[in-house]
């Protein structure tokens, strides 16, 4: 199990390993928040890319509580890998948004539909 502080430190290292160009336009940065969030379908939200309606703020949040709800059983190394996956996913949303592309957003919607159809 990884504490919130340990997860924050892991996230900071992951951010430091990425080229600074990826963060261009992400003017409010990346934050680990303690929240456990669910979407309207009851699925956990591990992270989100946010664009403020006024266009002045873009940022990424990674939900520690949601990650813990899903991956509490993992070793710290494995948990850090999940953080990396969420970070990269949300940064891909950022890069696609800047390029005017919605491919990952559409894929996420398709993935949710598929998960819900398997629920029955």
Protein backbone atom coordinates (compact mmCIF):
# COMPACT_ATOMS: atom_id res chain seq x y z
CA UNK A 1 0.00 0.00 0.00
CA UNK A 2 1.23 3.50 -0.84
CA UNK A 3 0.41 6.48 1.36
CA UNK A 4 -0.83 9.75 -0.12
CA UNK A 5 2.56 11.40 0.53
CA UNK A 6 4.40 8.50 -1.13
CA UNK A 7 2.02 8.66 -4.09
CA UNK A 8 2.64 12.42 -4.39
CA UNK A 9 6.40 11.84 -4.38
CA UNK A 10 6.03 9.12 -7.03
CA UNK A 11 3.92 11.46 -9.17
CA UNK A 12 6.52 14.23 -8.89
CA UNK A 13 9.24 11.84 -10.07
CA UNK A 14 7.08 10.72 -12.99
CA UNK A 15 6.46 14.35 -13.98
CA UNK A 16 10.17 15.14 -13.75
CA UNK A 17 10.91 12.27 -16.17
CA UNK A 18 8.73 13.76 -18.92
CA UNK A 19 9.82 16.37 -21.45
CA UNK A 20 8.69 19.88 -20.41
CA UNK A 21 7.06 20.41 -23.83
CA UNK A 22 4.28 18.01 -22.83
CA UNK A 23 3.15 20.46 -20.16
CA UNK A 24 2.93 23.46 -22.50
CA UNK A 25 -0.50 25.04 -22.04
CA UNK A 26 -1.18 23.03 -18.89
CA UNK A 27 -1.06 26.25 -16.93
CA UNK A 28 -2.54 24.88 -13.69
CA UNK A 29 -0.34 21.76 -13.62
CA UNK A 30 -0.92 18.25 -12.33
CA UNK A 31 -2.29 17.49 -8.87
CA UNK A 32 -2.84 14.39 -6.81
CA UNK A 33 -6.06 14.84 -4.86
CA UNK A 34 -7.36 12.59 -2.06
CA UNK A 35 -10.82 12.16 -3.61
CA UNK A 36 -12.63 8.98 -4.57
CA UNK A 37 -14.79 9.96 -7.53
CA UNK A 38 -17.40 8.08 -9.54
CA UNK A 39 -19.00 8.91 -12.86
CA UNK A 40 -22.77 8.85 -13.44
CA UNK A 41 -22.57 5.10 -14.11
CA UNK A 42 -20.89 4.31 -10.80
CA UNK A 43 -17.46 3.73 -12.37
CA UNK A 44 -14.41 5.04 -10.54
CA UNK A 45 -12.70 8.07 -12.04
CA UNK A 46 -8.94 7.64 -11.67
CA UNK A 47 -7.98 10.94 -13.22
CA UNK A 48 -9.34 13.84 -15.23
CA UNK A 49 -8.15 16.44 -17.67
CA UNK A 50 -9.86 19.76 -16.95
CA UNK A 51 -10.39 22.71 -19.26
CA UNK A 52 -12.01 25.70 -17.60
CA UNK A 53 -14.88 27.17 -19.61
CA UNK A 54 -13.19 30.58 -19.82
CA UNK A 55 -10.18 28.91 -21.46
CA UNK A 56 -7.81 30.24 -18.83
CA UNK A 57 -7.12 27.04 -16.95
CA UNK A 58 -6.05 23.58 -18.01
CA UNK A 59 -4.96 21.01 -15.50
CA UNK A 60 -4.87 17.33 -14.59
CA UNK A 61 -6.10 15.78 -11.37
CA UNK A 62 -5.29 12.24 -10.30
CA UNK A 63 -7.64 10.79 -7.69
CA UNK A 64 -5.69 8.98 -4.99
CA UNK A 65 -8.87 7.68 -3.32
CA UNK A 66 -10.10 6.16 -6.57
CA UNK A 67 -6.72 4.54 -7.17
CA UNK A 68 -6.75 3.14 -3.64
CA UNK A 69 -10.25 1.76 -4.14
CA UNK A 70 -9.04 -0.09 -7.24
CA UNK A 71 -5.42 -0.93 -6.46
CA UNK A 72 -4.95 -0.93 -2.68
CA UNK A 73 -3.58 -4.49 -2.88
CA UNK A 74 -0.66 -3.59 -5.17
CA UNK A 75 2.92 -3.14 -4.09
CA UNK A 76 4.22 0.45 -4.03
CA UNK A 77 6.08 -0.16 -7.31
CA UNK A 78 2.93 -1.51 -8.99
CA UNK A 79 0.84 1.32 -7.56
CA UNK A 80 3.32 3.87 -8.93
CA UNK A 81 2.93 2.21 -12.33
CA UNK A 82 -0.85 2.77 -12.14
CA UNK A 83 -0.20 6.43 -11.33
CA UNK A 84 2.08 6.61 -14.37
CA UNK A 85 -0.62 5.09 -16.59
CA UNK A 86 -3.24 7.57 -15.38
CA UNK A 87 -0.82 10.51 -15.75
CA UNK A 88 0.07 9.53 -19.31
CA UNK A 89 -3.60 8.97 -20.20
CA UNK A 90 -4.62 12.41 -18.93
CA UNK A 91 -1.65 14.11 -20.56
CA UNK A 92 -2.66 12.46 -23.83
CA UNK A 93 -6.07 14.13 -23.43
CA UNK A 94 -4.21 17.43 -22.97
CA UNK A 95 -2.07 16.99 -26.07
CA UNK A 96 -5.03 15.88 -28.17
CA UNK A 97 -7.10 18.83 -26.93
CA UNK A 98 -4.36 21.23 -27.98
CA UNK A 99 -4.26 19.55 -31.40
CA UNK A 100 -8.05 19.59 -31.82
CA UNK A 101 -8.23 15.79 -31.69
CA UNK A 102 -10.85 13.83 -29.70
CA UNK A 103 -9.62 10.28 -30.40
CA UNK A 104 -8.88 9.32 -26.80
CA UNK A 105 -12.07 10.97 -25.56
CA UNK A 106 -14.08 8.91 -28.05
CA UNK A 107 -12.16 5.75 -27.10
CA UNK A 108 -12.90 6.41 -23.40
CA UNK A 109 -16.62 6.73 -24.20
CA UNK A 110 -16.51 3.44 -26.12
CA UNK A 111 -14.66 1.73 -23.26
CA UNK A 112 -17.31 2.88 -20.76
CA UNK A 113 -20.10 1.60 -23.01
CA UNK A 114 -18.32 -1.76 -23.28
CA UNK A 115 -17.83 -2.02 -19.49
CA UNK A 116 -21.47 -1.19 -18.88
CA UNK A 117 -22.65 -3.76 -21.40
CA UNK A 118 -20.64 -6.44 -19.57
CA UNK A 119 -22.39 -5.53 -16.32
CA UNK A 120 -25.61 -6.82 -17.80
